Protein backbone atom coordinates (compact mmCIF):
# COMPACT_ATOMS: atom_id res chain seq x y z
CA MET A 1 -25.23 10.82 3.61
CA THR A 2 -25.54 7.86 5.98
CA LEU A 3 -26.10 4.37 4.59
CA ASN A 4 -29.63 4.40 5.98
CA GLY A 5 -30.36 7.78 4.37
CA GLN A 6 -28.86 6.58 1.11
CA THR A 7 -31.02 3.46 1.18
CA GLN A 8 -34.18 5.47 1.79
CA GLU A 9 -33.36 7.97 -0.97
CA LEU A 10 -32.58 5.21 -3.47
CA GLN A 11 -35.80 3.38 -2.62
CA ARG A 12 -37.77 6.62 -3.06
CA ILE A 13 -36.24 7.14 -6.51
CA ILE A 14 -37.05 3.59 -7.59
CA ASP A 15 -40.57 3.45 -6.12
CA GLN A 16 -41.62 6.84 -7.50
CA GLN A 17 -39.94 6.24 -10.87
CA LEU A 18 -37.81 9.38 -10.59
CA ILE A 19 -35.04 8.19 -12.92
CA SER A 20 -34.45 10.46 -15.91
CA THR A 21 -32.91 9.38 -19.22
CA LEU A 22 -30.33 11.31 -21.24
CA PHE A 23 -29.21 10.62 -24.81
CA GLN A 24 -25.66 10.91 -26.12
CA PRO A 25 -25.24 10.42 -29.87
CA ILE A 26 -22.89 7.97 -31.55
CA VAL A 27 -22.07 9.48 -34.93
CA ASP A 28 -21.03 7.77 -38.15
CA CYS A 29 -18.55 10.30 -39.54
CA GLN A 30 -18.35 8.54 -42.90
CA GLU A 31 -22.10 8.79 -43.46
CA LYS A 32 -22.33 12.06 -41.50
CA SER A 33 -25.33 10.74 -39.63
CA VAL A 34 -26.31 9.44 -36.20
CA LEU A 35 -25.83 5.68 -35.81
CA GLY A 36 -27.57 5.58 -32.46
CA TYR A 37 -27.75 6.90 -28.92
CA GLU A 38 -26.32 5.68 -25.66
CA VAL A 39 -29.00 6.07 -23.01
CA LEU A 40 -27.70 7.34 -19.66
CA SER A 41 -29.56 7.44 -16.35
CA ARG A 42 -29.63 10.15 -13.69
CA GLY A 43 -31.37 10.64 -10.39
CA PRO A 44 -33.56 13.70 -9.59
CA SER A 45 -31.73 17.01 -10.01
CA ASP A 46 -32.29 17.95 -6.35
CA SER A 47 -31.14 14.57 -5.01
CA PRO A 48 -27.67 13.70 -3.65
CA LEU A 49 -27.97 10.67 -5.95
CA HIS A 50 -28.41 12.79 -9.09
CA ALA A 51 -25.03 11.99 -10.67
CA ALA A 52 -24.62 8.56 -12.24
CA PRO A 53 -21.59 7.51 -10.11
CA ALA A 54 -23.44 8.33 -6.88
CA LEU A 55 -26.64 6.66 -8.08
CA PHE A 56 -25.07 3.37 -9.11
CA GLN A 57 -22.67 3.28 -6.18
CA ALA A 58 -25.71 3.54 -3.93
CA GLY A 59 -27.27 0.64 -5.83
CA GLU A 60 -24.23 -1.53 -5.04
CA GLN A 61 -23.92 -0.44 -1.42
CA CYS A 62 -27.63 -0.95 -0.74
CA ASP A 63 -27.78 -4.27 -2.61
CA GLN A 64 -30.29 -2.79 -5.08
CA VAL A 65 -28.41 -3.19 -8.35
CA ILE A 66 -31.10 -5.28 -10.05
CA SER A 67 -33.98 -3.05 -8.93
CA LEU A 68 -32.12 0.10 -9.96
CA GLU A 69 -31.16 -1.25 -13.39
CA ARG A 70 -34.74 -2.38 -14.03
CA ALA A 71 -35.98 1.13 -13.20
CA CYS A 72 -33.35 2.67 -15.49
CA LEU A 73 -34.16 0.36 -18.40
CA LYS A 74 -37.90 0.91 -18.04
CA GLN A 75 -37.48 4.68 -18.08
CA ALA A 76 -35.06 4.51 -21.01
CA GLY A 77 -37.55 2.47 -23.05
CA HIS A 78 -40.38 4.84 -22.17
CA THR A 79 -38.32 7.91 -23.13
CA CYS A 80 -37.18 6.34 -26.42
CA ASN A 81 -40.80 5.59 -27.25
CA ARG A 82 -41.90 9.14 -26.38
CA TYR A 83 -39.36 10.63 -28.81
CA GLY A 84 -39.87 7.98 -31.46
CA VAL A 85 -36.21 6.94 -31.49
CA SER A 86 -35.62 4.74 -34.52
CA ARG A 87 -31.82 4.53 -34.32
CA LEU A 88 -29.80 2.00 -32.36
CA VAL A 89 -30.15 2.29 -28.60
CA PHE A 90 -27.05 1.45 -26.53
CA VAL A 91 -27.94 0.38 -22.99
CA ASN A 92 -25.51 -0.26 -20.12
CA VAL A 93 -26.16 -3.60 -18.44
CA SER A 94 -24.17 -5.01 -15.54
CA PRO A 95 -23.04 -8.64 -15.58
CA GLU A 96 -25.20 -9.21 -12.51
CA LEU A 97 -28.38 -8.47 -14.48
CA LEU A 98 -27.30 -10.84 -17.24
CA LEU A 99 -26.68 -13.87 -15.03
CA PRO A 100 -29.56 -16.41 -15.06
CA ASN A 101 -29.86 -16.67 -11.28
CA SER A 102 -30.47 -12.91 -11.16
CA PHE A 103 -32.83 -12.49 -14.07
CA PRO A 104 -34.43 -15.15 -16.33
CA GLU A 105 -33.76 -14.73 -20.05
CA ASP A 106 -37.42 -14.21 -20.98
CA SER A 107 -37.80 -11.54 -18.30
CA LEU A 108 -34.69 -9.75 -19.54
CA HIS A 109 -35.97 -9.92 -23.13
CA ALA A 110 -39.31 -8.45 -22.04
CA LEU A 111 -37.61 -5.69 -20.03
CA LEU A 112 -35.33 -4.64 -22.89
CA THR A 113 -38.04 -4.64 -25.54
CA MET A 114 -40.83 -2.92 -23.64
CA ASN A 115 -42.21 0.25 -25.18
CA ASP A 116 -42.00 -1.24 -28.69
CA LEU A 117 -38.20 -1.38 -28.92
CA LYS A 118 -37.06 -4.20 -31.22
CA PRO A 119 -34.21 -6.59 -30.31
CA ASP A 120 -32.20 -5.61 -33.40
CA GLN A 121 -32.43 -1.96 -32.29
CA ILE A 122 -30.84 -2.61 -28.90
CA VAL A 123 -27.11 -2.84 -28.23
CA ILE A 124 -26.23 -4.29 -24.83
CA GLU A 125 -23.11 -2.57 -23.49
CA LEU A 126 -21.07 -4.72 -21.13
CA SER A 127 -18.41 -2.78 -19.28
CA GLU A 128 -14.94 -4.22 -18.80
CA ARG A 129 -14.76 -2.42 -15.47
CA TYR A 130 -16.73 -5.14 -13.65
CA PRO A 131 -15.28 -8.59 -12.90
CA VAL A 132 -17.31 -11.69 -13.71
CA ASP A 133 -17.17 -14.76 -11.48
CA ASP A 134 -18.57 -17.16 -14.06
CA SER A 135 -17.53 -16.07 -17.53
CA ALA A 136 -18.88 -19.26 -19.15
CA VAL A 137 -22.42 -18.52 -17.90
CA LEU A 138 -22.19 -14.90 -19.01
CA LYS A 139 -20.93 -15.97 -22.43
CA ALA A 140 -23.86 -18.39 -22.83
CA ARG A 141 -26.37 -15.68 -21.88
CA LEU A 142 -24.93 -13.16 -24.34
CA ILE A 143 -24.88 -15.73 -27.16
CA ALA A 144 -28.53 -16.53 -26.42
CA LEU A 145 -29.45 -12.84 -26.52
CA LYS A 146 -27.61 -12.38 -29.82
CA LYS A 147 -29.64 -15.26 -31.28
CA ARG A 148 -32.76 -13.34 -30.33
CA GLY A 149 -31.53 -10.38 -32.37
CA PHE A 150 -29.85 -8.20 -29.74
CA ARG A 151 -26.42 -6.77 -30.45
CA VAL A 152 -23.55 -6.65 -27.97
CA ALA A 153 -20.85 -4.06 -27.32
CA ILE A 154 -17.80 -4.22 -25.09
CA ASP A 155 -17.53 -0.91 -23.27
CA ASP A 156 -14.44 0.73 -21.71
CA LEU A 157 -11.96 -1.43 -23.65
CA GLY A 158 -8.54 -1.21 -22.05
CA THR A 159 -9.67 -0.61 -18.47
CA GLY A 160 -11.04 -3.94 -17.34
CA TYR A 161 -10.42 -7.39 -16.06
CA SER A 162 -10.89 -9.77 -18.96
CA GLY A 163 -9.65 -7.77 -21.93
CA LEU A 164 -9.23 -9.68 -25.16
CA LYS A 165 -10.41 -12.93 -23.58
CA ARG A 166 -13.97 -11.63 -23.24
CA TRP A 167 -13.75 -10.08 -26.70
CA SER A 168 -12.85 -13.39 -28.31
CA GLU A 169 -15.49 -15.31 -26.38
CA ILE A 170 -18.60 -13.21 -27.00
CA GLN A 171 -17.68 -11.86 -30.47
CA PRO A 172 -19.26 -8.41 -29.95
CA ASP A 173 -20.82 -6.34 -32.70
CA PHE A 174 -19.16 -3.18 -31.34
CA VAL A 175 -16.09 -2.37 -29.27
CA LYS A 176 -15.82 1.00 -27.50
CA ILE A 177 -12.34 2.27 -26.68
CA ASP A 178 -12.23 3.88 -23.28
CA ARG A 179 -11.88 7.67 -23.29
CA HIS A 180 -8.52 7.44 -21.48
CA PHE A 181 -6.92 6.24 -24.72
CA ILE A 182 -8.73 8.87 -26.81
CA ARG A 183 -7.89 11.94 -24.76
CA ASP A 184 -4.95 13.74 -26.46
CA VAL A 185 -4.42 10.76 -28.79
CA ASP A 186 -3.23 13.22 -31.43
CA ARG A 187 -0.24 14.06 -29.20
CA ASP A 188 0.53 10.68 -27.62
CA LEU A 189 2.35 8.06 -29.71
CA VAL A 190 1.68 5.25 -27.22
CA LYS A 191 -2.08 5.91 -27.34
CA LYS A 192 -1.94 6.06 -31.14
CA GLU A 193 -0.29 2.65 -31.28
CA PHE A 194 -2.85 1.20 -28.87
CA VAL A 195 -5.69 2.54 -30.99
CA ARG A 196 -4.02 1.25 -34.15
CA SER A 197 -3.73 -2.25 -32.68
CA VAL A 198 -7.43 -2.24 -31.74
CA ILE A 199 -8.33 -1.11 -35.28
CA ASN A 200 -6.41 -4.06 -36.72
CA LEU A 201 -8.14 -6.51 -34.37
CA CYS A 202 -11.57 -5.13 -35.19
CA GLU A 203 -10.90 -5.49 -38.91
CA ARG A 204 -9.81 -9.11 -38.45
CA LEU A 205 -12.63 -10.06 -36.08
CA GLY A 206 -15.39 -8.30 -37.99
CA CYS A 207 -16.68 -5.87 -35.35
CA ARG A 208 -17.13 -2.11 -35.45
CA LEU A 209 -15.04 0.27 -33.37
CA ILE A 210 -16.37 3.29 -31.46
CA ALA A 211 -14.08 5.96 -30.03
CA GLU A 212 -15.48 7.38 -26.79
CA GLY A 213 -14.75 10.72 -25.20
CA VAL A 214 -13.80 12.71 -28.30
CA GLU A 215 -13.70 16.36 -27.25
CA THR A 216 -11.37 18.16 -29.67
CA LEU A 217 -11.18 18.61 -33.41
CA ALA A 218 -7.56 17.40 -33.36
CA GLU A 219 -8.62 14.09 -31.78
CA LEU A 220 -11.46 13.71 -34.28
CA THR A 221 -9.22 14.48 -37.25
CA LEU A 222 -6.61 11.92 -36.26
CA LEU A 223 -9.13 9.18 -35.49
CA ARG A 224 -10.88 9.66 -38.83
CA SER A 225 -7.56 9.60 -40.66
CA MET A 226 -6.84 6.26 -38.96
CA GLY A 227 -10.11 4.83 -40.23
CA ILE A 228 -12.37 5.13 -37.15
CA HIS A 229 -15.76 6.38 -38.32
CA LEU A 230 -17.92 5.85 -35.22
CA ILE A 231 -17.41 8.65 -32.72
CA GLN A 232 -18.96 9.50 -29.35
CA GLY A 233 -18.05 12.54 -27.28
CA PHE A 234 -18.81 16.11 -26.29
CA LEU A 235 -17.53 17.43 -29.62
CA LEU A 236 -20.50 15.84 -31.42
CA GLY A 237 -23.06 15.93 -28.64
CA ARG A 238 -23.30 16.08 -24.86
CA PRO A 239 -25.85 13.98 -22.96
CA ASN A 240 -29.25 15.61 -23.51
CA PRO A 241 -32.78 14.89 -22.26
CA PHE A 242 -33.80 14.44 -25.92
CA PRO A 243 -32.02 12.77 -28.87
CA ALA A 244 -29.84 15.31 -30.69
CA ALA A 245 -26.38 15.65 -32.24
CA ASP A 246 -24.08 18.44 -33.43
CA LEU A 247 -22.52 17.46 -36.77
CA SER A 248 -20.92 20.83 -37.46
CA ALA A 249 -17.44 19.45 -36.73
CA LEU A 250 -17.74 17.09 -39.71
CA GLY A 251 -16.50 19.55 -42.30
CA ASP A 252 -15.39 18.56 -45.79
CA SER A 253 -11.81 19.45 -44.92
CA ILE A 254 -11.57 16.48 -42.60
CA PRO A 255 -10.71 13.23 -44.43
CA VAL A 256 -13.71 10.91 -44.42
CA SER A 257 -12.46 8.26 -46.84
CA GLY A 258 -13.18 4.66 -46.02
CA ASP A 259 -9.47 4.07 -46.53
CA PRO A 260 -7.81 4.38 -43.07
CA ILE A 261 -4.49 5.28 -44.67
CA ALA A 262 -5.76 8.07 -46.89
CA ALA A 263 -4.28 10.79 -44.71
CA GLY A 264 -0.61 11.63 -44.49
CA ALA A 265 1.89 11.17 -41.68
CA GLY A 266 1.43 14.80 -40.64
CA TYR A 267 -1.77 13.81 -38.81
CA LEU A 268 0.32 11.76 -36.39
CA GLY A 269 2.77 14.47 -35.42
CA ARG A 270 3.19 17.82 -33.74
CA TYR A 271 5.53 20.62 -34.74
CA ILE A 272 8.62 21.12 -32.56
CA ALA A 273 11.06 23.89 -33.43
CA PRO A 274 14.28 22.28 -34.69
CA LEU A 275 17.81 22.86 -33.43
CA SER A 276 20.84 23.52 -35.58
CA PRO A 277 23.69 21.05 -35.07
CA ASN A 278 25.81 23.81 -33.49
CA THR A 279 23.28 24.65 -30.76
CA SER A 280 24.82 24.07 -27.33
CA LEU A 281 23.66 21.17 -25.19
CA GLY A 282 23.05 23.65 -22.35
CA HIS A 283 20.56 25.62 -24.47
CA ALA A 284 18.86 22.43 -25.67
CA TRP A 285 18.53 21.25 -22.07
CA GLN A 286 16.78 24.49 -21.12
CA ILE A 287 14.21 23.85 -23.89
CA LEU A 288 13.65 20.27 -22.77
CA GLN A 289 13.29 21.32 -19.13
CA SER A 290 10.73 23.99 -19.98
CA SER A 291 8.59 21.56 -22.02
CA PRO A 292 7.90 18.40 -19.96
CA SER A 293 5.82 16.84 -22.76
CA ILE A 294 8.75 16.93 -25.22
CA PHE A 295 11.15 13.99 -25.02
CA ALA A 296 13.27 14.68 -28.10
CA LEU A 297 14.25 17.64 -30.27
CA PRO A 298 14.82 17.45 -34.04
CA VAL A 299 18.24 18.50 -35.29
CA VAL A 300 18.10 20.04 -38.78
CA GLU A 301 20.70 21.64 -41.06
CA ASN A 302 19.72 23.51 -44.23
CA ASP A 303 16.23 21.94 -44.10
CA ARG A 304 17.80 18.46 -43.98
CA PRO A 305 16.94 16.37 -40.88
CA LEU A 306 20.05 15.00 -39.18
CA GLY A 307 18.44 13.14 -36.29
CA LEU A 308 17.01 13.54 -32.80
CA LEU A 309 18.44 14.78 -29.54
CA HIS A 310 16.84 12.60 -26.87
CA LYS A 311 16.12 14.00 -23.43
CA TRP A 312 17.24 10.79 -21.72
CA ARG A 313 20.62 10.97 -23.47
CA VAL A 314 21.28 14.54 -22.27
CA MET A 315 20.16 13.60 -18.75
CA GLU A 316 22.52 10.65 -18.79
CA VAL A 317 25.51 12.83 -19.72
CA PHE A 318 24.64 15.74 -17.42
CA SER A 319 24.00 13.52 -14.38
CA SER A 320 27.53 12.11 -14.30
CA THR A 321 30.21 13.73 -12.11
CA TYR A 322 30.97 17.18 -13.55
CA GLY A 323 28.87 16.08 -16.55
CA ARG A 324 27.03 19.30 -17.05
CA SER A 325 29.98 21.64 -16.64
CA LEU A 326 32.07 19.53 -19.02
CA ASN A 327 29.42 19.13 -21.72
CA GLU A 328 26.91 21.99 -21.72
CA ALA A 329 29.01 24.05 -24.14
CA LYS A 330 29.33 21.19 -26.61
CA PRO A 331 27.11 21.19 -29.74
CA VAL A 332 24.00 19.02 -29.82
CA ASP A 333 25.53 17.30 -32.84
CA SER A 334 27.75 15.38 -30.43
CA LEU A 335 24.73 13.55 -28.93
CA THR A 336 22.37 13.48 -31.90
CA ALA A 337 20.89 10.06 -32.71
CA ARG A 338 21.21 9.70 -36.46
CA ASP A 339 19.21 6.49 -36.83
CA ALA A 340 15.82 8.21 -36.55
CA LEU A 341 13.01 7.11 -38.86
CA VAL A 342 12.46 10.06 -41.24
CA VAL A 343 9.16 10.37 -43.14
CA GLU A 344 7.61 13.08 -45.31
CA HIS A 345 4.68 15.08 -43.93
CA ASP A 346 2.34 13.75 -46.64
CA GLU A 347 3.60 10.17 -46.68
CA PRO A 348 0.59 7.77 -46.50
CA LEU A 349 -0.01 6.24 -43.10
CA GLU A 350 0.25 2.78 -44.63
CA GLY A 351 3.93 3.38 -45.39
CA VAL A 352 4.60 4.80 -41.93
CA SER A 353 2.84 1.88 -40.28
CA GLN A 354 4.82 -0.63 -42.32
CA SER A 355 8.09 1.06 -41.37
CA LEU A 356 7.16 0.88 -37.70
CA LEU A 357 6.26 -2.79 -37.92
CA GLU A 358 9.53 -3.66 -39.59
CA ASP A 359 11.60 -2.51 -36.62
CA ASP A 360 11.52 -2.75 -32.84
CA LEU A 361 8.45 -0.76 -31.76
CA TYR A 362 9.87 0.47 -28.46
CA TYR A 363 13.02 1.67 -30.21
CA LEU A 364 11.10 3.44 -32.94
CA LYS A 365 8.93 5.29 -30.44
CA GLN A 366 12.07 7.26 -29.63
CA ASN A 367 13.30 7.62 -33.22
CA LEU A 368 10.57 9.10 -35.40
CA LEU A 369 11.20 12.36 -37.23
């Protein structure tokens, strides 16, 4: 689509009020109830600007961001009123709309609260993806809105420009971890540690944490065991034209305790078939090569863990001159790291966390068994 065609199509959508609103639930797993809904905007289904990325990219390219966001917020308020939504309503607002020279505070208040929505029902989501030229002005506007009763959320934490600086300045009510850090978090130690650090900060700063993009039961189980109770993602509800949620994944078998360390260490791990100490390095290397996501193999004798065989250590030996031919018949015991951190499957996460904090974190990422 040419820029001129895009401009005309966007103007048609705005003038004829063709924006549609979808609802995606944010679920409180501890209460097993819906905390609120994020309202999402789409263009007409038969339009090239139907998808949100295309719609909002057109708004930027055609210099229509303010007009487009006003149309989206108006339609969202109207749709919430039609369905009698009484939960929290999370609305995405760009920094441009929040700056005083773009939109006066009273006008913004009136826009957000039209259709009988109350300020304390509305959560203003500010994405970290967009840079802000004047952070002091933005901070002042958000503080003023909070005084009027609105709540504030930082969206896409971990992807943006200002990071913790913006967090400390505006003191949000909610922080939403970007879905990149949630996807496969049950199998990625680095992501687990990032999430754990955000949990600790939220507890200290008094704000609530929302995990976005939860799509699997394994992700949900781990996050709940870590103490995250607010969840958003396809597992509990896709964006719908009406407010709804699927709570069937919240079975009693999943730990829902308010204590983030109630679950055992098994929730953090994945099973990898162990090697005996007499297994050849050549055979172990074949296993490591066939499983790119595995970086270490446990070495066990008579159900007693001896240590870990690290992929990098085998690569180091095999890559030297004649390294493979000289070493592939040797037992894995010759390269096993015996200083691995060993924990029981049901050991409380508090104990595991404390053990990690007491040693070098980078080192321990390679030595956990």
